[in-house]
C-alpha atoms as a PDB file:
ATOM      1  CA  MET A   1     101.976 151.759  39.670  1.00  0.00           C
ATOM      2  CA  HIS A   2     101.510 148.824  41.953  1.00  0.00           C
ATOM      3  CA  ARG A   3     102.911 145.481  40.610  1.00  0.00           C
ATOM      4  CA  ARG A   4     100.823 142.392  41.281  1.00  0.00           C
ATOM      5  CA  ARG A   5     102.792 140.059  43.498  1.00  0.00           C
ATOM      6  CA  VAL A   6     103.735 136.835  41.604  1.00  0.00           C
ATOM      7  CA  ASN A   7     102.515 133.704  43.168  1.00  0.00           C
ATOM      8  CA  ARG A   8     104.209 130.489  42.209  1.00  0.00           C
ATOM      9  CA  PHE A   9     100.930 128.618  42.333  1.00  0.00           C
ATOM     10  CA  ASP A  10      99.434 131.068  39.642  1.00  0.00           C
ATOM     11  CA  ASN A  11     100.689 128.606  36.951  1.00  0.00           C
ATOM     12  CA  THR A  12      98.680 127.042  33.940  1.00  0.00           C
ATOM     13  CA  GLY A  13     100.561 123.820  34.413  1.00  0.00           C
ATOM     14  CA  ILE A  14      99.575 123.387  37.993  1.00  0.00           C
ATOM     15  CA  GLY A  15      96.005 124.117  37.012  1.00  0.00           C
ATOM     16  CA  PHE A  16      96.137 121.565  34.245  1.00  0.00           C
ATOM     17  CA  LEU A  17      97.603 118.996  36.673  1.00  0.00           C
ATOM     18  CA  VAL A  18      94.779 119.725  39.228  1.00  0.00           C
ATOM     19  CA  GLY A  19      92.136 119.688  36.517  1.00  0.00           C
ATOM     20  CA  PHE A  20      93.279 116.172  35.393  1.00  0.00           C
ATOM     21  CA  ILE A  21      93.977 114.580  38.762  1.00  0.00           C
ATOM     22  CA  LEU A  22      90.896 115.821  40.706  1.00  0.00           C
ATOM     23  CA  PRO A  23      88.406 113.906  38.576  1.00  0.00           C
ATOM     24  CA  VAL A  24      90.367 110.770  39.007  1.00  0.00           C
ATOM     25  CA  LEU A  25      90.454 111.201  42.754  1.00  0.00           C
ATOM     26  CA  VAL A  26      86.774 111.754  42.860  1.00  0.00           C
ATOM     27  CA  PHE A  27      86.200 108.559  40.884  1.00  0.00           C
ATOM     28  CA  THR A  28      88.369 106.720  43.196  1.00  0.00           C
ATOM     29  CA  PHE A  29      86.638 108.087  46.257  1.00  0.00           C
ATOM     30  CA  VAL A  30      83.210 106.968  44.810  1.00  0.00           C
ATOM     31  CA  TYR A  31      84.837 103.486  44.120  1.00  0.00           C
ATOM     32  CA  LEU A  32      86.061 103.271  47.577  1.00  0.00           C
ATOM     33  CA  ILE A  33      82.857 104.218  49.313  1.00  0.00           C
ATOM     34  CA  GLY A  34      80.937 101.948  47.079  1.00  0.00           C
ATOM     35  CA  LYS A  35      81.751  98.416  46.164  1.00  0.00           C
ATOM     36  CA  LYS A  36      84.703  97.267  48.054  1.00  0.00           C
ATOM     37  CA  ASP A  37      84.527  93.535  47.152  1.00  0.00           C
ATOM     38  CA  ILE A  38      85.299  93.873  43.418  1.00  0.00           C
ATOM     39  CA  SER A  39      88.361  95.139  41.716  1.00  0.00           C
ATOM     40  CA  ILE A  40      88.320  98.572  40.068  1.00  0.00           C
ATOM     41  CA  LEU A  41      88.325  97.115  36.499  1.00  0.00           C
ATOM     42  CA  GLU A  42      85.252  94.908  37.427  1.00  0.00           C
ATOM     43  CA  TYR A  43      83.704  98.086  38.859  1.00  0.00           C
ATOM     44  CA  ILE A  44      84.191 100.145  35.594  1.00  0.00           C
ATOM     45  CA  ASN A  45      82.980  97.200  33.504  1.00  0.00           C
ATOM     46  CA  SER A  46      79.846  96.984  35.619  1.00  0.00           C
ATOM     47  CA  LEU A  47      79.353 100.711  35.339  1.00  0.00           C
ATOM     48  CA  GLN A  48      79.822 100.471  31.547  1.00  0.00           C
ATOM     49  CA  GLN A  49      77.310  97.707  31.026  1.00  0.00           C
ATOM     50  CA  LEU A  50      74.713  99.750  33.186  1.00  0.00           C
ATOM     51  CA  ASN A  51      75.338 102.733  30.964  1.00  0.00           C
ATOM     52  CA  VAL A  52      76.199 104.990  33.916  1.00  0.00           C
ATOM     53  CA  LEU A  53      80.063 105.207  33.388  1.00  0.00           C
ATOM     54  CA  VAL A  54      79.777 108.309  31.226  1.00  0.00           C
ATOM     55  CA  LYS A  55      77.401 109.925  33.817  1.00  0.00           C
ATOM     56  CA  LEU A  56      79.605 109.152  36.731  1.00  0.00           C
ATOM     57  CA  GLY A  57      82.583 110.520  34.697  1.00  0.00           C
ATOM     58  CA  SER A  58      80.507 113.721  33.952  1.00  0.00           C
ATOM     59  CA  LEU A  59      79.890 114.171  37.689  1.00  0.00           C
ATOM     60  CA  CYS A  60      83.549 113.698  38.552  1.00  0.00           C
ATOM     61  CA  VAL A  61      84.508 116.392  36.072  1.00  0.00           C
ATOM     62  CA  PHE A  62      81.873 118.658  37.388  1.00  0.00           C
ATOM     63  CA  VAL A  63      84.038 118.976  40.609  1.00  0.00           C
ATOM     64  CA  ASN A  64      86.438 120.882  38.517  1.00  0.00           C
ATOM     65  CA  SER A  65      83.901 123.685  38.186  1.00  0.00           C
ATOM     66  CA  ALA A  66      83.882 124.382  41.882  1.00  0.00           C
ATOM     67  CA  VAL A  67      87.761 124.369  42.041  1.00  0.00           C
ATOM     68  CA  PHE A  68      87.819 126.632  38.976  1.00  0.00           C
ATOM     69  CA  MET A  69      85.527 129.158  40.743  1.00  0.00           C
ATOM     70  CA  GLY A  70      87.634 128.909  43.854  1.00  0.00           C
ATOM     71  CA  PHE A  71      90.755 129.931  41.939  1.00  0.00           C
ATOM     72  CA  ILE A  72      89.019 132.771  40.012  1.00  0.00           C
ATOM     73  CA  LYS A  73      87.989 134.020  43.448  1.00  0.00           C
ATOM     74  CA  LEU A  74      91.514 134.024  44.754  1.00  0.00           C
ATOM     75  CA  LYS A  75      92.550 135.790  41.557  1.00  0.00           C
ATOM     76  CA  TYR A  76      94.800 132.869  40.210  1.00  0.00           C
ATOM     77  CA  GLU A  77      93.738 133.304  36.546  1.00  0.00           C
ATOM     78  CA  LYS A  78      96.445 131.187  35.103  1.00  0.00           C
ATOM     79  CA  THR A  79      95.660 128.183  37.450  1.00  0.00           C
ATOM     80  CA  ALA A  80      91.999 128.590  36.645  1.00  0.00           C
ATOM     81  CA  ARG A  81      92.790 128.547  32.943  1.00  0.00           C
ATOM     82  CA  GLY A  82      94.706 125.304  33.290  1.00  0.00           C
ATOM     83  CA  ILE A  83      91.826 123.701  35.154  1.00  0.00           C
ATOM     84  CA  LEU A  84      89.432 124.948  32.423  1.00  0.00           C
ATOM     85  CA  GLY A  85      91.575 123.562  29.737  1.00  0.00           C
ATOM     86  CA  ALA A  86      91.695 120.131  31.456  1.00  0.00           C
ATOM     87  CA  THR A  87      87.840 120.236  31.942  1.00  0.00           C
ATOM     88  CA  ILE A  88      87.337 120.994  28.266  1.00  0.00           C
ATOM     89  CA  ILE A  89      89.459 118.053  27.225  1.00  0.00           C
ATOM     90  CA  TYR A  90      87.550 115.832  29.656  1.00  0.00           C
ATOM     91  CA  ALA A  91      84.346 117.118  28.077  1.00  0.00           C
ATOM     92  CA  PHE A  92      85.462 116.253  24.625  1.00  0.00           C
ATOM     93  CA  VAL A  93      86.362 112.737  25.697  1.00  0.00           C
ATOM     94  CA  ILE A  94      83.082 112.381  27.303  1.00  0.00           C
ATOM     95  CA  LEU A  95      81.254 113.647  24.146  1.00  0.00           C
ATOM     96  CA  ILE A  96      83.208 111.227  22.093  1.00  0.00           C
ATOM     97  CA  SER A  97      82.444 108.273  24.368  1.00  0.00           C
ATOM     98  CA  ILE A  98      78.674 109.241  24.205  1.00  0.00           C
ATOM     99  CA  ALA A  99      78.729 109.304  20.373  1.00  0.00           C
ATOM    100  CA  PHE A 100      80.579 105.984  19.982  1.00  0.00           C
END
């Protein structure tokens, strides 16, 4: 029997961390290429007043699906599981924010 080589990056914790940090990085990138003359808190407040904060948050989390598929293709199932878990938590937060 061939034993599958253990990869230190095939870890659920690493996937969870990537799944939580990546949407924040995407949001920061959108902020940096957008309005540079206001603070990030003012930017978030203006997005909330325009009712687009939840939509932008959903798009930022959508990036996780591409990373998830990449890790599945590399056969890093544990890392992909962590990314999926973080994405599900983000999805619940977005659903709750839509409801209230």
